[in-house]
Amino acid sequence: MNEAAGLVTWNSGDFPFPADNFSVERRYHPCNLPSKTSIYLMKVKFERRDSAQARGAQGFTLLEMVIVLGIIGLILGAVIGLSGNFMGLGREVQTEGKLQTINASLKAYRIRANHFPSESQGLKALVERPTTAPEPRRWENAFETLPKDGWDQEFVYKYPGSKDPSQPEVISKGKDGELGTGDDLSSQDAK
């Protein structure tokens, strides 16, 4: 900073901040000073910007973080709640597929043996050759082990079937594991 003859001037090296962060306003202001002396008043307007704000890298407040986490929690809760219904539906679809597979195996058994297995022989006739009457003429195992329904329970075999007495009926006890309730699935149900 130089002070000479009543004039105040700044050299560019005297100012510690970059030139793009401030503005200068100069006005001529006459005073009651001896002639030929005038004072120039300078108003320096300086805006200090933090380097993080200059780059636009502002962080989140705690409230914003809590709100976002709450929304994510609600979405996850809804997805988990709805997935329970899909799991039940998936088990039903899996059981219906197994019922169709068992039905096809029973029809193949009938072609070879010329009859369906008796109720006392049950579905075990598809895994082991029956030794009780009526014995099959030709036999071939359809499964290595008996399949279970989607709830890991054994199927129930009825011959003759309750809806179509000429065909056997394979029944899944459903989710509750009890025979004769509303959630049972039957191979003779209309599809």
N, C-alpha and C. Protein backbone atom coordinates (compact mmCIF):
# COMPACT_ATOMS: atom_id res chain seq x y z
N MET A 1 0.84 -1.17 0.00
CA MET A 1 0.00 0.00 0.00
C MET A 1 0.89 1.23 0.00
N ASN A 2 0.61 2.12 -0.89
CA ASN A 2 1.39 3.35 -1.00
C ASN A 2 0.53 4.52 -0.56
N GLU A 3 1.07 5.40 0.24
CA GLU A 3 0.37 6.61 0.62
C GLU A 3 1.25 7.79 0.19
N ALA A 4 0.82 8.48 -0.79
CA ALA A 4 1.61 9.63 -1.29
C ALA A 4 0.66 10.74 -1.66
N ALA A 5 0.93 11.91 -1.17
CA ALA A 5 0.18 13.12 -1.50
C ALA A 5 -1.31 12.95 -1.28
N GLY A 6 -1.71 12.20 -0.25
CA GLY A 6 -3.13 12.07 0.06
C GLY A 6 -3.87 11.08 -0.81
N LEU A 7 -3.19 10.36 -1.65
CA LEU A 7 -3.85 9.37 -2.49
C LEU A 7 -3.57 7.98 -1.94
N VAL A 8 -4.60 7.16 -1.92
CA VAL A 8 -4.44 5.79 -1.46
C VAL A 8 -4.62 4.88 -2.66
N THR A 9 -3.60 4.12 -2.97
CA THR A 9 -3.69 3.18 -4.10
C THR A 9 -3.21 1.82 -3.64
N TRP A 10 -3.69 0.82 -4.31
CA TRP A 10 -3.30 -0.58 -4.01
C TRP A 10 -2.54 -1.13 -5.19
N ASN A 11 -1.47 -1.75 -4.89
CA ASN A 11 -0.76 -2.49 -5.94
C ASN A 11 -1.36 -3.89 -6.02
N SER A 12 -1.30 -4.46 -7.17
CA SER A 12 -1.92 -5.78 -7.35
C SER A 12 -1.29 -6.83 -6.46
N GLY A 13 -0.02 -6.68 -6.11
CA GLY A 13 0.64 -7.66 -5.26
C GLY A 13 0.29 -7.50 -3.80
N ASP A 14 -0.29 -6.34 -3.40
CA ASP A 14 -0.62 -6.10 -2.00
C ASP A 14 -1.91 -6.80 -1.56
N PHE A 15 -2.76 -7.17 -2.50
CA PHE A 15 -4.07 -7.74 -2.14
C PHE A 15 -3.96 -9.26 -2.09
N PRO A 16 -4.34 -9.89 -0.96
CA PRO A 16 -4.07 -11.32 -0.79
C PRO A 16 -5.05 -12.26 -1.47
N PHE A 17 -6.10 -11.79 -2.13
CA PHE A 17 -7.12 -12.68 -2.70
C PHE A 17 -7.12 -12.57 -4.22
N PRO A 18 -7.61 -13.59 -4.89
CA PRO A 18 -7.68 -13.52 -6.36
C PRO A 18 -8.57 -12.37 -6.81
N ALA A 19 -8.27 -11.83 -7.95
CA ALA A 19 -8.97 -10.64 -8.44
C ALA A 19 -10.41 -10.91 -8.83
N ASP A 20 -10.81 -12.15 -9.06
CA ASP A 20 -12.17 -12.42 -9.50
C ASP A 20 -13.15 -12.49 -8.34
N ASN A 21 -12.69 -12.37 -7.08
CA ASN A 21 -13.58 -12.47 -5.94
C ASN A 21 -14.02 -11.12 -5.40
N PHE A 22 -13.60 -10.00 -5.98
CA PHE A 22 -13.99 -8.71 -5.46
C PHE A 22 -14.24 -7.74 -6.61
N SER A 23 -14.91 -6.64 -6.25
CA SER A 23 -15.15 -5.58 -7.23
C SER A 23 -14.77 -4.25 -6.59
N VAL A 24 -14.41 -3.30 -7.40
CA VAL A 24 -13.95 -1.99 -6.91
C VAL A 24 -14.88 -0.93 -7.48
N GLU A 25 -15.28 -0.03 -6.61
CA GLU A 25 -16.11 1.08 -7.03
C GLU A 25 -15.35 2.36 -6.69
N ARG A 26 -15.05 3.17 -7.68
CA ARG A 26 -14.30 4.43 -7.47
C ARG A 26 -15.21 5.62 -7.67
N ARG A 27 -15.11 6.54 -6.75
CA ARG A 27 -15.86 7.79 -6.88
C ARG A 27 -14.95 8.96 -6.59
N TYR A 28 -15.14 10.01 -7.32
CA TYR A 28 -14.39 11.24 -7.05
C TYR A 28 -15.15 12.00 -5.98
N HIS A 29 -14.45 12.40 -4.92
CA HIS A 29 -15.10 13.10 -3.84
C HIS A 29 -14.26 14.33 -3.48
N PRO A 30 -14.71 15.54 -3.84
CA PRO A 30 -13.93 16.74 -3.50
C PRO A 30 -14.05 17.08 -2.02
N CYS A 31 -13.04 17.50 -1.46
CA CYS A 31 -13.02 17.90 -0.04
C CYS A 31 -12.47 19.34 0.06
N ASN A 32 -12.53 19.82 1.21
CA ASN A 32 -11.98 21.14 1.44
C ASN A 32 -10.49 21.01 1.72
N LEU A 33 -9.80 20.61 0.75
CA LEU A 33 -8.36 20.47 0.87
C LEU A 33 -7.71 21.52 -0.02
N PRO A 34 -6.43 21.70 0.18
CA PRO A 34 -5.78 22.65 -0.71
C PRO A 34 -6.00 22.27 -2.16
N SER A 35 -5.96 23.21 -3.02
CA SER A 35 -6.21 22.95 -4.43
C SER A 35 -5.28 21.88 -4.96
N LYS A 36 -5.57 21.32 -5.99
CA LYS A 36 -4.84 20.27 -6.67
C LYS A 36 -4.78 18.97 -5.85
N THR A 37 -5.38 18.92 -4.72
CA THR A 37 -5.37 17.68 -3.97
C THR A 37 -6.80 17.13 -3.98
N SER A 38 -6.97 15.97 -4.34
CA SER A 38 -8.27 15.33 -4.30
C SER A 38 -8.12 13.92 -3.73
N ILE A 39 -9.20 13.48 -3.21
CA ILE A 39 -9.19 12.14 -2.63
C ILE A 39 -10.13 11.27 -3.44
N TYR A 40 -9.62 10.18 -3.76
CA TYR A 40 -10.47 9.19 -4.41
C TYR A 40 -10.85 8.16 -3.34
N LEU A 41 -12.15 7.97 -3.19
CA LEU A 41 -12.62 6.96 -2.24
C LEU A 41 -12.88 5.66 -3.00
N MET A 42 -12.41 4.63 -2.43
CA MET A 42 -12.66 3.33 -3.05
C MET A 42 -13.44 2.47 -2.07
N LYS A 43 -14.48 1.88 -2.59
CA LYS A 43 -15.21 0.89 -1.81
C LYS A 43 -14.88 -0.46 -2.42
N VAL A 44 -14.37 -1.32 -1.61
CA VAL A 44 -14.03 -2.65 -2.09
C VAL A 44 -15.11 -3.61 -1.58
N LYS A 45 -15.75 -4.24 -2.51
CA LYS A 45 -16.76 -5.25 -2.15
C LYS A 45 -16.11 -6.61 -2.37
N PHE A 46 -16.01 -7.33 -1.29
CA PHE A 46 -15.33 -8.61 -1.37
C PHE A 46 -16.29 -9.72 -0.98
N GLU A 47 -16.37 -10.73 -1.80
CA GLU A 47 -17.17 -11.91 -1.49
C GLU A 47 -16.23 -13.06 -1.24
N ARG A 48 -16.29 -13.56 -0.05
CA ARG A 48 -15.42 -14.70 0.28
C ARG A 48 -16.20 -15.98 0.04
N ARG A 49 -15.65 -16.84 -0.79
CA ARG A 49 -16.28 -18.13 -1.09
C ARG A 49 -15.36 -19.23 -0.60
N ASP A 50 -15.96 -20.17 0.11
CA ASP A 50 -15.17 -21.34 0.51
C ASP A 50 -14.92 -22.19 -0.73
N SER A 51 -13.82 -22.89 -0.72
CA SER A 51 -13.48 -23.68 -1.90
C SER A 51 -14.49 -24.80 -2.15
N ALA A 52 -15.11 -25.36 -1.09
CA ALA A 52 -16.10 -26.42 -1.28
C ALA A 52 -17.35 -25.86 -1.95
N GLN A 53 -17.75 -24.64 -1.54
CA GLN A 53 -18.93 -24.05 -2.15
C GLN A 53 -18.65 -23.64 -3.59
N ALA A 54 -17.45 -23.21 -3.86
CA ALA A 54 -17.10 -22.81 -5.22
C ALA A 54 -17.21 -23.99 -6.17
N ARG A 55 -16.88 -25.18 -5.70
CA ARG A 55 -16.97 -26.38 -6.55
C ARG A 55 -18.38 -26.96 -6.56
N GLY A 56 -19.26 -26.50 -5.68
CA GLY A 56 -20.62 -27.03 -5.63
C GLY A 56 -20.69 -28.35 -4.86
N ALA A 57 -19.71 -28.67 -4.05
CA ALA A 57 -19.67 -29.93 -3.32
C ALA A 57 -20.19 -29.73 -1.91
N GLN A 58 -21.51 -29.59 -1.80
CA GLN A 58 -22.10 -29.42 -0.48
C GLN A 58 -22.55 -30.78 0.02
N GLY A 59 -22.48 -31.03 1.31
CA GLY A 59 -22.89 -32.30 1.91
C GLY A 59 -24.36 -32.29 2.26
N PHE A 60 -24.84 -33.43 2.74
CA PHE A 60 -26.23 -33.56 3.17
C PHE A 60 -26.32 -33.24 4.65
N THR A 61 -27.46 -32.70 5.05
CA THR A 61 -27.67 -32.48 6.48
C THR A 61 -28.14 -33.78 7.10
N LEU A 62 -28.10 -33.83 8.41
CA LEU A 62 -28.53 -35.02 9.13
C LEU A 62 -30.01 -35.29 8.88
N LEU A 63 -30.82 -34.26 8.83
CA LEU A 63 -32.24 -34.42 8.58
C LEU A 63 -32.50 -35.04 7.20
N GLU A 64 -31.78 -34.57 6.20
CA GLU A 64 -31.94 -35.13 4.85
C GLU A 64 -31.56 -36.61 4.83
N MET A 65 -30.49 -36.96 5.53
CA MET A 65 -30.07 -38.37 5.58
C MET A 65 -31.12 -39.23 6.26
N VAL A 66 -31.71 -38.75 7.35
CA VAL A 66 -32.73 -39.51 8.08
C VAL A 66 -33.96 -39.70 7.20
N ILE A 67 -34.35 -38.68 6.47
CA ILE A 67 -35.51 -38.78 5.57
C ILE A 67 -35.26 -39.81 4.48
N VAL A 68 -34.10 -39.77 3.86
CA VAL A 68 -33.77 -40.72 2.79
C VAL A 68 -33.74 -42.15 3.33
N LEU A 69 -33.12 -42.35 4.49
CA LEU A 69 -33.08 -43.69 5.08
C LEU A 69 -34.48 -44.17 5.46
N GLY A 70 -35.33 -43.28 5.91
CA GLY A 70 -36.71 -43.65 6.22
C GLY A 70 -37.47 -44.10 4.99
N ILE A 71 -37.29 -43.40 3.88
CA ILE A 71 -37.95 -43.77 2.63
C ILE A 71 -37.45 -45.13 2.15
N ILE A 72 -36.14 -45.35 2.23
CA ILE A 72 -35.59 -46.65 1.83
C ILE A 72 -36.15 -47.75 2.72
N GLY A 73 -36.28 -47.49 4.02
CA GLY A 73 -36.85 -48.48 4.93
C GLY A 73 -38.29 -48.82 4.58
N LEU A 74 -39.09 -47.82 4.24
CA LEU A 74 -40.48 -48.06 3.84
C LEU A 74 -40.56 -48.91 2.58
N ILE A 75 -39.72 -48.61 1.61
CA ILE A 75 -39.73 -49.37 0.35
C ILE A 75 -39.34 -50.82 0.62
N LEU A 76 -38.27 -51.03 1.41
CA LEU A 76 -37.85 -52.40 1.72
C LEU A 76 -38.93 -53.16 2.49
N GLY A 77 -39.60 -52.49 3.42
CA GLY A 77 -40.68 -53.13 4.16
C GLY A 77 -41.81 -53.57 3.26
N ALA A 78 -42.16 -52.73 2.30
CA ALA A 78 -43.23 -53.08 1.37
C ALA A 78 -42.83 -54.26 0.48
N VAL A 79 -41.58 -54.25 0.02
CA VAL A 79 -41.12 -55.35 -0.84
C VAL A 79 -41.10 -56.66 -0.08
N ILE A 80 -40.61 -56.64 1.15
CA ILE A 80 -40.56 -57.87 1.96
C ILE A 80 -41.97 -58.35 2.27
N GLY A 81 -42.87 -57.42 2.58
CA GLY A 81 -44.26 -57.80 2.87
C GLY A 81 -44.95 -58.44 1.67
N LEU A 82 -44.70 -57.89 0.50
CA LEU A 82 -45.32 -58.44 -0.70
C LEU A 82 -44.68 -59.75 -1.14
N SER A 83 -43.41 -59.93 -0.84
CA SER A 83 -42.74 -61.15 -1.28
C SER A 83 -43.29 -62.38 -0.58
N GLY A 84 -43.85 -62.22 0.62
CA GLY A 84 -44.47 -63.35 1.31
C GLY A 84 -45.62 -63.93 0.50
N ASN A 85 -46.42 -63.06 -0.12
CA ASN A 85 -47.52 -63.54 -0.98
C ASN A 85 -46.98 -64.24 -2.21
N PHE A 86 -45.88 -63.74 -2.76
CA PHE A 86 -45.30 -64.38 -3.94
C PHE A 86 -44.72 -65.74 -3.60
N MET A 87 -44.17 -65.88 -2.39
CA MET A 87 -43.62 -67.17 -1.97
C MET A 87 -44.73 -68.20 -1.89
N GLY A 88 -45.88 -67.81 -1.31
CA GLY A 88 -47.01 -68.74 -1.23
C GLY A 88 -47.49 -69.13 -2.62
N LEU A 89 -47.56 -68.15 -3.51
CA LEU A 89 -47.97 -68.43 -4.88
C LEU A 89 -46.95 -69.34 -5.57
N GLY A 90 -45.68 -69.13 -5.32
CA GLY A 90 -44.64 -69.96 -5.91
C GLY A 90 -44.74 -71.40 -5.45
N ARG A 91 -45.07 -71.60 -4.18
CA ARG A 91 -45.23 -72.96 -3.67
C ARG A 91 -46.43 -73.65 -4.29
N GLU A 92 -47.50 -72.89 -4.51
CA GLU A 92 -48.68 -73.47 -5.17
C GLU A 92 -48.36 -73.87 -6.61
N VAL A 93 -47.66 -73.00 -7.33
CA VAL A 93 -47.31 -73.30 -8.72
C VAL A 93 -46.39 -74.52 -8.77
N GLN A 94 -45.43 -74.58 -7.85
CA GLN A 94 -44.52 -75.73 -7.77
C GLN A 94 -45.31 -77.02 -7.50
N THR A 95 -46.26 -76.96 -6.59
CA THR A 95 -47.07 -78.13 -6.26
C THR A 95 -47.93 -78.55 -7.44
N GLU A 96 -48.52 -77.59 -8.14
CA GLU A 96 -49.34 -77.93 -9.31
C GLU A 96 -48.49 -78.60 -10.39
N GLY A 97 -47.27 -78.14 -10.56
CA GLY A 97 -46.37 -78.77 -11.53
C GLY A 97 -46.06 -80.21 -11.15
N LYS A 98 -45.82 -80.44 -9.86
CA LYS A 98 -45.55 -81.80 -9.40
C LYS A 98 -46.78 -82.69 -9.53
N LEU A 99 -47.97 -82.11 -9.29
CA LEU A 99 -49.20 -82.89 -9.48
C LEU A 99 -49.34 -83.35 -10.93
N GLN A 100 -49.03 -82.47 -11.87
CA GLN A 100 -49.10 -82.84 -13.29
C GLN A 100 -48.07 -83.92 -13.63
N THR A 101 -46.88 -83.82 -13.07
CA THR A 101 -45.84 -84.82 -13.31
C THR A 101 -46.26 -86.18 -12.76
N ILE A 102 -46.82 -86.20 -11.55
CA ILE A 102 -47.28 -87.45 -10.95
C ILE A 102 -48.43 -88.03 -11.77
N ASN A 103 -49.35 -87.17 -12.22
CA ASN A 103 -50.47 -87.64 -13.05
C ASN A 103 -49.96 -88.28 -14.33
N ALA A 104 -48.98 -87.67 -14.98
CA ALA A 104 -48.42 -88.25 -16.21
C ALA A 104 -47.75 -89.59 -15.91
N SER A 105 -47.07 -89.70 -14.77
CA SER A 105 -46.42 -90.96 -14.39
C SER A 105 -47.46 -92.04 -14.10
N LEU A 106 -48.59 -91.66 -13.49
CA LEU A 106 -49.67 -92.62 -13.23
C LEU A 106 -50.28 -93.13 -14.54
N LYS A 107 -50.41 -92.25 -15.53
CA LYS A 107 -50.95 -92.68 -16.83
C LYS A 107 -49.97 -93.61 -17.53
N ALA A 108 -48.66 -93.33 -17.40
CA ALA A 108 -47.66 -94.24 -17.99
C ALA A 108 -47.68 -95.58 -17.25
N TYR A 109 -47.89 -95.59 -15.94
CA TYR A 109 -48.01 -96.82 -15.16
C TYR A 109 -49.20 -97.64 -15.67
N ARG A 110 -50.31 -96.95 -15.91
CA ARG A 110 -51.53 -97.64 -16.39
C ARG A 110 -51.28 -98.30 -17.75
N ILE A 111 -50.54 -97.63 -18.62
CA ILE A 111 -50.26 -98.20 -19.95
C ILE A 111 -49.44 -99.47 -19.80
N ARG A 112 -48.43 -99.48 -18.92
CA ARG A 112 -47.58 -100.67 -18.74
C ARG A 112 -48.29 -101.76 -17.95
N ALA A 113 -49.01 -101.38 -16.89
CA ALA A 113 -49.59 -102.38 -15.98
C ALA A 113 -51.01 -102.75 -16.36
N ASN A 114 -51.64 -101.98 -17.21
CA ASN A 114 -53.02 -102.17 -17.62
C ASN A 114 -54.01 -101.78 -16.52
N HIS A 115 -53.57 -101.09 -15.49
CA HIS A 115 -54.44 -100.58 -14.42
C HIS A 115 -53.65 -99.54 -13.60
N PHE A 116 -54.37 -98.74 -12.83
CA PHE A 116 -53.73 -97.79 -11.92
C PHE A 116 -53.35 -98.52 -10.63
N PRO A 117 -52.42 -97.99 -9.87
CA PRO A 117 -52.11 -98.62 -8.57
C PRO A 117 -53.33 -98.54 -7.64
N SER A 118 -53.49 -99.53 -6.79
CA SER A 118 -54.59 -99.50 -5.83
C SER A 118 -54.27 -98.45 -4.76
N GLU A 119 -55.29 -98.11 -3.98
CA GLU A 119 -55.08 -97.11 -2.93
C GLU A 119 -54.11 -97.63 -1.88
N SER A 120 -54.11 -98.93 -1.64
CA SER A 120 -53.17 -99.49 -0.66
C SER A 120 -51.73 -99.46 -1.19
N GLN A 121 -51.56 -99.62 -2.50
CA GLN A 121 -50.22 -99.52 -3.10
C GLN A 121 -49.75 -98.06 -3.13
N GLY A 122 -50.66 -97.16 -3.40
CA GLY A 122 -50.40 -95.74 -3.37
C GLY A 122 -49.35 -95.28 -4.37
N LEU A 123 -48.80 -94.13 -4.14
CA LEU A 123 -47.79 -93.55 -5.02
C LEU A 123 -46.46 -94.29 -4.91
N LYS A 124 -46.32 -95.12 -3.89
CA LYS A 124 -45.08 -95.89 -3.73
C LYS A 124 -44.88 -96.84 -4.91
N ALA A 125 -45.98 -97.16 -5.62
CA ALA A 125 -45.90 -98.03 -6.80
C ALA A 125 -45.11 -97.37 -7.94
N LEU A 126 -44.93 -96.07 -7.88
CA LEU A 126 -44.15 -95.36 -8.90
C LEU A 126 -42.64 -95.41 -8.60
N VAL A 127 -42.29 -95.81 -7.36
CA VAL A 127 -40.89 -95.86 -6.94
C VAL A 127 -40.41 -97.32 -6.81
N GLU A 128 -41.25 -98.19 -6.22
CA GLU A 128 -40.92 -99.61 -6.03
C GLU A 128 -42.00 -100.47 -6.69
N ARG A 129 -41.56 -101.60 -7.25
CA ARG A 129 -42.52 -102.51 -7.90
C ARG A 129 -43.45 -103.10 -6.83
N PRO A 130 -44.76 -102.97 -7.03
CA PRO A 130 -45.72 -103.51 -6.05
C PRO A 130 -45.63 -105.05 -5.97
N THR A 131 -45.74 -105.58 -4.76
CA THR A 131 -45.72 -107.03 -4.56
C THR A 131 -47.09 -107.55 -4.16
N THR A 132 -48.05 -106.66 -3.97
CA THR A 132 -49.42 -107.05 -3.62
C THR A 132 -50.30 -106.89 -4.85
N ALA A 133 -51.46 -107.54 -4.80
CA ALA A 133 -52.39 -107.48 -5.93
C ALA A 133 -53.00 -106.08 -5.99
N PRO A 134 -53.25 -105.62 -7.14
CA PRO A 134 -52.94 -106.11 -8.48
C PRO A 134 -51.50 -105.78 -8.87
N GLU A 135 -50.75 -106.80 -9.20
CA GLU A 135 -49.36 -106.60 -9.62
C GLU A 135 -49.32 -106.17 -11.08
N PRO A 136 -48.41 -105.32 -11.44
CA PRO A 136 -48.34 -104.85 -12.83
C PRO A 136 -47.72 -105.91 -13.75
N ARG A 137 -48.15 -105.93 -15.02
CA ARG A 137 -47.56 -106.83 -16.01
C ARG A 137 -46.12 -106.40 -16.28
N ARG A 138 -45.95 -105.15 -16.61
CA ARG A 138 -44.61 -104.57 -16.82
C ARG A 138 -44.50 -103.38 -15.88
N TRP A 139 -43.31 -103.21 -15.36
CA TRP A 139 -43.13 -102.11 -14.41
C TRP A 139 -41.81 -101.40 -14.67
N GLU A 140 -41.82 -100.10 -14.47
CA GLU A 140 -40.61 -99.28 -14.56
C GLU A 140 -40.78 -98.13 -13.57
N ASN A 141 -39.72 -97.88 -12.78
CA ASN A 141 -39.89 -96.81 -11.78
C ASN A 141 -39.93 -95.44 -12.47
N ALA A 142 -40.83 -94.60 -11.99
CA ALA A 142 -40.97 -93.25 -12.55
C ALA A 142 -40.13 -92.24 -11.79
N PHE A 143 -39.86 -92.51 -10.50
CA PHE A 143 -39.10 -91.61 -9.64
C PHE A 143 -38.10 -92.40 -8.82
N GLU A 144 -36.99 -91.77 -8.46
CA GLU A 144 -36.04 -92.39 -7.53
C GLU A 144 -36.60 -92.31 -6.10
N THR A 145 -37.17 -91.18 -5.75
CA THR A 145 -37.86 -90.98 -4.47
C THR A 145 -39.18 -90.29 -4.75
N LEU A 146 -40.11 -90.45 -3.84
CA LEU A 146 -41.42 -89.81 -4.02
C LEU A 146 -41.29 -88.30 -3.91
N PRO A 147 -41.86 -87.57 -4.86
CA PRO A 147 -41.82 -86.10 -4.75
C PRO A 147 -42.71 -85.61 -3.61
N LYS A 148 -42.36 -84.44 -3.08
CA LYS A 148 -43.16 -83.81 -2.03
C LYS A 148 -43.70 -82.49 -2.57
N ASP A 149 -44.76 -82.02 -1.95
CA ASP A 149 -45.37 -80.76 -2.42
C ASP A 149 -44.50 -79.56 -2.04
N GLY A 150 -44.96 -78.37 -2.38
CA GLY A 150 -44.20 -77.15 -2.14
C GLY A 150 -43.97 -76.83 -0.67
N TRP A 151 -44.72 -77.46 0.21
CA TRP A 151 -44.56 -77.25 1.65
C TRP A 151 -43.83 -78.43 2.29
N ASP A 152 -43.16 -79.24 1.47
CA ASP A 152 -42.35 -80.38 1.90
C ASP A 152 -43.17 -81.44 2.63
N GLN A 153 -44.38 -81.70 2.14
CA GLN A 153 -45.26 -82.74 2.69
C GLN A 153 -45.52 -83.78 1.62
N GLU A 154 -45.84 -84.99 2.06
CA GLU A 154 -46.14 -86.06 1.11
C GLU A 154 -47.52 -85.86 0.51
N PHE A 155 -47.66 -86.29 -0.73
CA PHE A 155 -48.95 -86.24 -1.41
C PHE A 155 -49.84 -87.39 -0.91
N VAL A 156 -51.16 -87.19 -1.00
CA VAL A 156 -52.14 -88.21 -0.64
C VAL A 156 -52.69 -88.78 -1.94
N TYR A 157 -52.81 -90.14 -2.01
CA TYR A 157 -53.28 -90.82 -3.23
C TYR A 157 -54.64 -91.45 -2.95
N LYS A 158 -55.59 -91.20 -3.84
CA LYS A 158 -56.93 -91.81 -3.75
C LYS A 158 -57.28 -92.43 -5.10
N TYR A 159 -57.74 -93.67 -5.05
CA TYR A 159 -58.27 -94.30 -6.27
C TYR A 159 -59.44 -95.16 -5.86
N PRO A 160 -60.59 -94.86 -6.36
CA PRO A 160 -60.98 -93.89 -7.38
C PRO A 160 -61.01 -92.47 -6.81
N GLY A 161 -60.89 -91.51 -7.72
CA GLY A 161 -60.87 -90.10 -7.33
C GLY A 161 -62.23 -89.62 -6.89
N SER A 162 -62.29 -88.54 -6.14
CA SER A 162 -63.55 -88.03 -5.61
C SER A 162 -64.38 -87.30 -6.67
N LYS A 163 -63.75 -86.66 -7.64
CA LYS A 163 -64.49 -85.92 -8.66
C LYS A 163 -64.66 -86.74 -9.94
N ASP A 164 -63.69 -87.53 -10.29
CA ASP A 164 -63.76 -88.41 -11.46
C ASP A 164 -63.35 -89.81 -11.02
N PRO A 165 -64.32 -90.70 -10.75
CA PRO A 165 -63.99 -92.02 -10.21
C PRO A 165 -63.19 -92.91 -11.17
N SER A 166 -63.12 -92.56 -12.45
CA SER A 166 -62.35 -93.38 -13.39
C SER A 166 -60.86 -93.06 -13.35
N GLN A 167 -60.48 -92.00 -12.68
CA GLN A 167 -59.08 -91.55 -12.61
C GLN A 167 -58.62 -91.49 -11.16
N PRO A 168 -57.33 -91.70 -10.92
CA PRO A 168 -56.82 -91.52 -9.56
C PRO A 168 -56.73 -90.03 -9.22
N GLU A 169 -56.71 -89.74 -7.92
CA GLU A 169 -56.61 -88.35 -7.47
C GLU A 169 -55.39 -88.23 -6.55
N VAL A 170 -54.56 -87.24 -6.83
CA VAL A 170 -53.40 -86.94 -6.00
C VAL A 170 -53.68 -85.59 -5.34
N ILE A 171 -53.51 -85.54 -4.01
CA ILE A 171 -53.90 -84.35 -3.25
C ILE A 171 -52.71 -83.84 -2.43
N SER A 172 -52.54 -82.52 -2.45
CA SER A 172 -51.59 -81.85 -1.55
C SER A 172 -52.39 -81.25 -0.41
N LYS A 173 -51.91 -81.41 0.81
CA LYS A 173 -52.61 -80.89 1.98
C LYS A 173 -52.52 -79.38 2.09
N GLY A 174 -51.71 -78.76 1.28
CA GLY A 174 -51.61 -77.30 1.27
C GLY A 174 -50.77 -76.75 2.40
N LYS A 175 -50.90 -75.46 2.60
CA LYS A 175 -50.06 -74.74 3.56
C LYS A 175 -50.29 -75.20 5.00
N ASP A 176 -51.55 -75.48 5.36
CA ASP A 176 -51.84 -75.84 6.75
C ASP A 176 -51.50 -77.29 7.09
N GLY A 177 -51.27 -78.13 6.09
CA GLY A 177 -50.88 -79.52 6.33
C GLY A 177 -52.01 -80.43 6.76
N GLU A 178 -53.26 -79.97 6.63
CA GLU A 178 -54.42 -80.77 7.01
C GLU A 178 -55.24 -81.11 5.78
N LEU A 179 -55.66 -82.35 5.69
CA LEU A 179 -56.45 -82.83 4.56
C LEU A 179 -57.91 -82.40 4.74
N GLY A 180 -58.54 -81.97 3.66
CA GLY A 180 -59.96 -81.61 3.68
C GLY A 180 -60.22 -80.15 4.00
N THR A 181 -59.21 -79.30 3.95
CA THR A 181 -59.41 -77.86 4.19
C THR A 181 -59.40 -77.12 2.86
N GLY A 182 -59.68 -75.84 2.90
CA GLY A 182 -59.82 -75.04 1.68
C GLY A 182 -58.53 -74.82 0.89
N ASP A 183 -57.38 -75.04 1.51
CA ASP A 183 -56.13 -74.78 0.79
C ASP A 183 -55.54 -76.04 0.12
N ASP A 184 -56.30 -77.15 0.15
CA ASP A 184 -55.82 -78.38 -0.50
C ASP A 184 -55.78 -78.21 -2.02
N LEU A 185 -54.81 -78.82 -2.64
CA LEU A 185 -54.71 -78.82 -4.10
C LEU A 185 -54.87 -80.25 -4.60
N SER A 186 -55.71 -80.43 -5.62
CA SER A 186 -56.00 -81.77 -6.12
C SER A 186 -55.65 -81.85 -7.60
N SER A 187 -55.26 -83.04 -8.02
CA SER A 187 -54.96 -83.24 -9.45
C SER A 187 -56.25 -83.23 -10.27
N GLN A 188 -57.40 -83.35 -9.63
CA GLN A 188 -58.69 -83.33 -10.35
C GLN A 188 -59.36 -81.96 -10.31
N ASP A 189 -58.69 -80.95 -9.75
CA ASP A 189 -59.24 -79.60 -9.78
C ASP A 189 -59.23 -79.09 -11.21
N ALA A 190 -60.28 -78.35 -11.57
CA ALA A 190 -60.35 -77.77 -12.91
C ALA A 190 -59.28 -76.68 -13.05
N LYS A 191 -58.58 -76.68 -14.17
CA LYS A 191 -57.51 -75.71 -14.39
C LYS A 191 -57.86 -74.79 -15.50
